[in-house]
Amino acid sequence: SRVAGSHNLVLLLSRDILTRPWCLVEIVTAVEAGVRVIPVEVCKRGSEFTWPTPSFFRDFRKGAYLGTSALELLYKLEVSLDRIEAALKIVFKQIAVPYSPHRQELIREAELKVLLRHCRVGRRGAFVADSTTSHVTSRSPKMTS
């Protein structure tokens, strides 16, 4: 997997990220492979991320946030809800890096510098998982508005 071979996974915390099975698989893959996962809170009105609570995890273990096709995919890929929960709890022990795509360029640049300080430097690019794609894409960790 490209995720397992990367140095960083930049996790854009969008509203639906925790309901996207491929994103969850990529988070588990990264955490279990020792890849640095950097949560990035996208500061954009209308796309606020809801941080998981103990009740979220209780309901998640019952499959409450995932549809039948998502659960079937996870089963097929042998990624259990317990593994996902464990990986998410590791990721969410970190403080998220903010990113404000609609703010002034100077603010965005400052936020990106903070993000880059969290990344491991290496020959491979970072991988970005978000809820707008069904897969992880290989690209630099620079984000644009």
C-alpha atoms as a PDB file:
ATOM      1  CA  SER A   1       0.000   0.000   0.000  1.00  0.00           C
ATOM      2  CA  ARG A   2       1.205   3.494  -0.809  1.00  0.00           C
ATOM      3  CA  VAL A   3      -0.039   4.718   2.549  1.00  0.00           C
ATOM      4  CA  ALA A   4       2.089   2.213   4.465  1.00  0.00           C
ATOM      5  CA  GLY A   5       5.149   3.282   2.481  1.00  0.00           C
ATOM      6  CA  SER A   6       4.690   6.989   3.047  1.00  0.00           C
ATOM      7  CA  HIS A   7       6.222   9.243   5.667  1.00  0.00           C
ATOM      8  CA  ASN A   8       3.084  11.253   6.450  1.00  0.00           C
ATOM      9  CA  LEU A   9      -0.657  11.072   6.127  1.00  0.00           C
ATOM     10  CA  VAL A  10      -2.292  14.489   6.273  1.00  0.00           C
ATOM     11  CA  LEU A  11      -5.817  13.830   7.496  1.00  0.00           C
ATOM     12  CA  LEU A  12      -8.224  16.598   6.523  1.00  0.00           C
ATOM     13  CA  LEU A  13     -10.885  16.590   9.202  1.00  0.00           C
ATOM     14  CA  SER A  14     -13.992  17.200   7.167  1.00  0.00           C
ATOM     15  CA  ARG A  15     -17.542  16.622   8.340  1.00  0.00           C
ATOM     16  CA  ASP A  16     -17.889  13.130   6.825  1.00  0.00           C
ATOM     17  CA  ILE A  17     -14.345  11.763   7.121  1.00  0.00           C
ATOM     18  CA  LEU A  18     -15.294   9.163   9.755  1.00  0.00           C
ATOM     19  CA  THR A  19     -18.073   7.735   7.587  1.00  0.00           C
ATOM     20  CA  ARG A  20     -15.870   7.106   4.540  1.00  0.00           C
ATOM     21  CA  PRO A  21     -14.669   3.481   4.562  1.00  0.00           C
ATOM     22  CA  TRP A  22     -11.618   4.046   2.327  1.00  0.00           C
ATOM     23  CA  CYS A  23     -10.461   6.919   4.528  1.00  0.00           C
ATOM     24  CA  LEU A  24     -10.867   4.718   7.604  1.00  0.00           C
ATOM     25  CA  VAL A  25      -8.863   1.930   5.955  1.00  0.00           C
ATOM     26  CA  GLU A  26      -6.096   4.414   5.129  1.00  0.00           C
ATOM     27  CA  ILE A  27      -6.018   5.708   8.709  1.00  0.00           C
ATOM     28  CA  VAL A  28      -5.718   2.158  10.071  1.00  0.00           C
ATOM     29  CA  THR A  29      -3.038   1.311   7.497  1.00  0.00           C
ATOM     30  CA  ALA A  30      -1.021   4.401   8.385  1.00  0.00           C
ATOM     31  CA  VAL A  31      -1.248   3.963  12.151  1.00  0.00           C
ATOM     32  CA  GLU A  32      -0.385   0.261  12.012  1.00  0.00           C
ATOM     33  CA  ALA A  33       2.565   0.959   9.682  1.00  0.00           C
ATOM     34  CA  GLY A  34       3.947   3.669  11.948  1.00  0.00           C
ATOM     35  CA  VAL A  35       3.229   6.447   9.468  1.00  0.00           C
ATOM     36  CA  ARG A  36       2.872   9.858  11.044  1.00  0.00           C
ATOM     37  CA  VAL A  37      -0.793  10.904  10.812  1.00  0.00           C
ATOM     38  CA  ILE A  38      -1.298  14.652  11.043  1.00  0.00           C
ATOM     39  CA  PRO A  39      -4.890  15.699  11.702  1.00  0.00           C
ATOM     40  CA  VAL A  40      -5.725  19.012  10.033  1.00  0.00           C
ATOM     41  CA  GLU A  41      -8.848  20.853  11.083  1.00  0.00           C
ATOM     42  CA  VAL A  42     -10.248  22.643   8.058  1.00  0.00           C
ATOM     43  CA  CYS A  43     -11.577  25.953   9.358  1.00  0.00           C
ATOM     44  CA  LYS A  44     -14.356  26.561   6.887  1.00  0.00           C
ATOM     45  CA  ARG A  45     -17.950  27.419   7.691  1.00  0.00           C
ATOM     46  CA  GLY A  46     -20.258  24.548   6.838  1.00  0.00           C
ATOM     47  CA  SER A  47     -17.609  21.827   7.018  1.00  0.00           C
ATOM     48  CA  GLU A  48     -17.021  21.712  10.757  1.00  0.00           C
ATOM     49  CA  PHE A  49     -15.630  18.459  12.052  1.00  0.00           C
ATOM     50  CA  THR A  50     -17.285  16.891  15.093  1.00  0.00           C
ATOM     51  CA  TRP A  51     -14.694  15.376  17.398  1.00  0.00           C
ATOM     52  CA  PRO A  52     -15.471  11.805  18.421  1.00  0.00           C
ATOM     53  CA  THR A  53     -16.770  11.321  21.944  1.00  0.00           C
ATOM     54  CA  PRO A  54     -17.068   8.131  24.005  1.00  0.00           C
ATOM     55  CA  SER A  55     -20.660   7.824  22.787  1.00  0.00           C
ATOM     56  CA  PHE A  56     -19.476   8.144  19.190  1.00  0.00           C
ATOM     57  CA  PHE A  57     -17.110   5.207  19.682  1.00  0.00           C
ATOM     58  CA  ARG A  58     -19.811   3.158  21.436  1.00  0.00           C
ATOM     59  CA  ASP A  59     -22.169   3.697  18.493  1.00  0.00           C
ATOM     60  CA  PHE A  60     -19.354   3.270  15.958  1.00  0.00           C
ATOM     61  CA  ARG A  61     -18.575  -0.210  17.312  1.00  0.00           C
ATOM     62  CA  LYS A  62     -22.199  -1.087  16.497  1.00  0.00           C
ATOM     63  CA  GLY A  63     -21.770   0.145  12.915  1.00  0.00           C
ATOM     64  CA  ALA A  64     -24.086   3.127  13.449  1.00  0.00           C
ATOM     65  CA  TYR A  65     -22.194   5.555  11.192  1.00  0.00           C
ATOM     66  CA  LEU A  66     -21.486   3.224   8.301  1.00  0.00           C
ATOM     67  CA  GLY A  67     -23.876   1.832   5.732  1.00  0.00           C
ATOM     68  CA  THR A  68     -24.144  -1.802   4.727  1.00  0.00           C
ATOM     69  CA  SER A  69     -21.852  -1.404   1.712  1.00  0.00           C
ATOM     70  CA  ALA A  70     -19.200   0.309   3.845  1.00  0.00           C
ATOM     71  CA  LEU A  71     -19.347  -2.460   6.451  1.00  0.00           C
ATOM     72  CA  GLU A  72     -19.114  -5.105   3.720  1.00  0.00           C
ATOM     73  CA  LEU A  73     -16.068  -3.376   2.236  1.00  0.00           C
ATOM     74  CA  LEU A  74     -14.345  -3.218   5.626  1.00  0.00           C
ATOM     75  CA  TYR A  75     -15.125  -6.911   6.187  1.00  0.00           C
ATOM     76  CA  LYS A  76     -13.752  -7.807   2.749  1.00  0.00           C
ATOM     77  CA  LEU A  77     -10.556  -5.856   3.492  1.00  0.00           C
ATOM     78  CA  GLU A  78     -10.325  -7.479   6.952  1.00  0.00           C
ATOM     79  CA  VAL A  79     -10.404  -4.116   8.723  1.00  0.00           C
ATOM     80  CA  SER A  80     -12.470  -4.512  11.863  1.00  0.00           C
ATOM     81  CA  LEU A  81     -14.311  -1.743  13.652  1.00  0.00           C
ATOM     82  CA  ASP A  82     -12.095  -2.448  16.686  1.00  0.00           C
ATOM     83  CA  ARG A  83      -8.961  -1.745  14.626  1.00  0.00           C
ATOM     84  CA  ILE A  84     -10.505   1.442  13.274  1.00  0.00           C
ATOM     85  CA  GLU A  85     -11.466   2.596  16.757  1.00  0.00           C
ATOM     86  CA  ALA A  86      -7.965   1.906  18.093  1.00  0.00           C
ATOM     87  CA  ALA A  87      -6.351   3.826  15.213  1.00  0.00           C
ATOM     88  CA  LEU A  88      -8.724   6.773  15.580  1.00  0.00           C
ATOM     89  CA  LYS A  89      -8.033   7.006  19.309  1.00  0.00           C
ATOM     90  CA  ILE A  90      -4.309   7.204  18.575  1.00  0.00           C
ATOM     91  CA  VAL A  91      -4.793   9.881  15.910  1.00  0.00           C
ATOM     92  CA  PHE A  92      -7.121  11.974  18.047  1.00  0.00           C
ATOM     93  CA  LYS A  93      -4.700  12.124  20.962  1.00  0.00           C
ATOM     94  CA  GLN A  94      -2.924  14.754  18.896  1.00  0.00           C
ATOM     95  CA  ILE A  95      -3.828  18.396  18.620  1.00  0.00           C
ATOM     96  CA  ALA A  96      -5.054  19.131  15.112  1.00  0.00           C
ATOM     97  CA  VAL A  97      -3.236  21.623  12.942  1.00  0.00           C
ATOM     98  CA  PRO A  98      -5.600  24.350  11.701  1.00  0.00           C
ATOM     99  CA  TYR A  99      -5.970  25.247   8.046  1.00  0.00           C
ATOM    100  CA  SER A 100      -8.181  28.104   6.849  1.00  0.00           C
ATOM    101  CA  PRO A 101      -8.628  27.818   3.073  1.00  0.00           C
ATOM    102  CA  HIS A 102     -10.660  31.021   2.800  1.00  0.00           C
ATOM    103  CA  ARG A 103      -8.464  33.316   4.849  1.00  0.00           C
ATOM    104  CA  GLN A 104      -5.783  35.674   3.622  1.00  0.00           C
ATOM    105  CA  GLU A 105      -2.733  34.236   1.908  1.00  0.00           C
ATOM    106  CA  LEU A 106      -0.405  35.180   4.781  1.00  0.00           C
ATOM    107  CA  ILE A 107      -2.544  33.252   7.237  1.00  0.00           C
ATOM    108  CA  ARG A 108      -2.731  30.206   4.964  1.00  0.00           C
ATOM    109  CA  GLU A 109       1.033  30.270   4.457  1.00  0.00           C
ATOM    110  CA  ALA A 110       1.643  30.469   8.205  1.00  0.00           C
ATOM    111  CA  GLU A 111      -0.715  27.535   8.796  1.00  0.00           C
ATOM    112  CA  LEU A 112       0.999  25.494   6.083  1.00  0.00           C
ATOM    113  CA  LYS A 113       4.401  26.175   7.651  1.00  0.00           C
ATOM    114  CA  VAL A 114       3.095  24.788  10.936  1.00  0.00           C
ATOM    115  CA  LEU A 115       1.737  21.743   9.100  1.00  0.00           C
ATOM    116  CA  LEU A 116       5.047  21.155   7.330  1.00  0.00           C
ATOM    117  CA  ARG A 117       6.892  21.278  10.665  1.00  0.00           C
ATOM    118  CA  HIS A 118       4.816  18.274  11.717  1.00  0.00           C
ATOM    119  CA  CYS A 119       5.759  16.290   8.604  1.00  0.00           C
ATOM    120  CA  ARG A 120       8.692  13.944   8.412  1.00  0.00           C
ATOM    121  CA  VAL A 121      11.123  14.950   5.723  1.00  0.00           C
ATOM    122  CA  GLY A 122      11.837  12.281   3.174  1.00  0.00           C
ATOM    123  CA  ARG A 123      11.970  11.497  -0.504  1.00  0.00           C
ATOM    124  CA  ARG A 124       8.343  10.426  -0.683  1.00  0.00           C
ATOM    125  CA  GLY A 125       5.420  12.864  -0.709  1.00  0.00           C
ATOM    126  CA  ALA A 126       2.696  13.106   1.892  1.00  0.00           C
ATOM    127  CA  PHE A 127      -0.633  11.455   1.319  1.00  0.00           C
ATOM    128  CA  VAL A 128      -3.843  13.354   1.796  1.00  0.00           C
ATOM    129  CA  ALA A 129      -7.033  11.584   2.774  1.00  0.00           C
ATOM    130  CA  ASP A 130     -10.236  13.561   2.712  1.00  0.00           C
ATOM    131  CA  SER A 131     -13.922  12.927   2.346  1.00  0.00           C
ATOM    132  CA  THR A 132     -14.123  14.342  -1.177  1.00  0.00           C
ATOM    133  CA  THR A 133     -12.267  11.420  -2.736  1.00  0.00           C
ATOM    134  CA  SER A 134     -12.663   7.703  -2.374  1.00  0.00           C
ATOM    135  CA  HIS A 135      -8.939   7.129  -2.221  1.00  0.00           C
ATOM    136  CA  VAL A 136      -5.698   8.632  -1.027  1.00  0.00           C
ATOM    137  CA  THR A 137      -3.810  10.723  -3.537  1.00  0.00           C
ATOM    138  CA  SER A 138      -0.077  11.218  -3.714  1.00  0.00           C
ATOM    139  CA  ARG A 139       0.835  14.887  -3.691  1.00  0.00           C
ATOM    140  CA  SER A 140       2.801  17.380  -1.700  1.00  0.00           C
ATOM    141  CA  PRO A 141       1.255  18.444   1.603  1.00  0.00           C
ATOM    142  CA  LYS A 142       0.675  21.951   0.217  1.00  0.00           C
ATOM    143  CA  MET A 143      -3.014  22.747   0.059  1.00  0.00           C
ATOM    144  CA  THR A 144      -4.635  25.564  -1.862  1.00  0.00           C
ATOM    145  CA  SER A 145      -7.974  27.260  -1.562  1.00  0.00           C
END
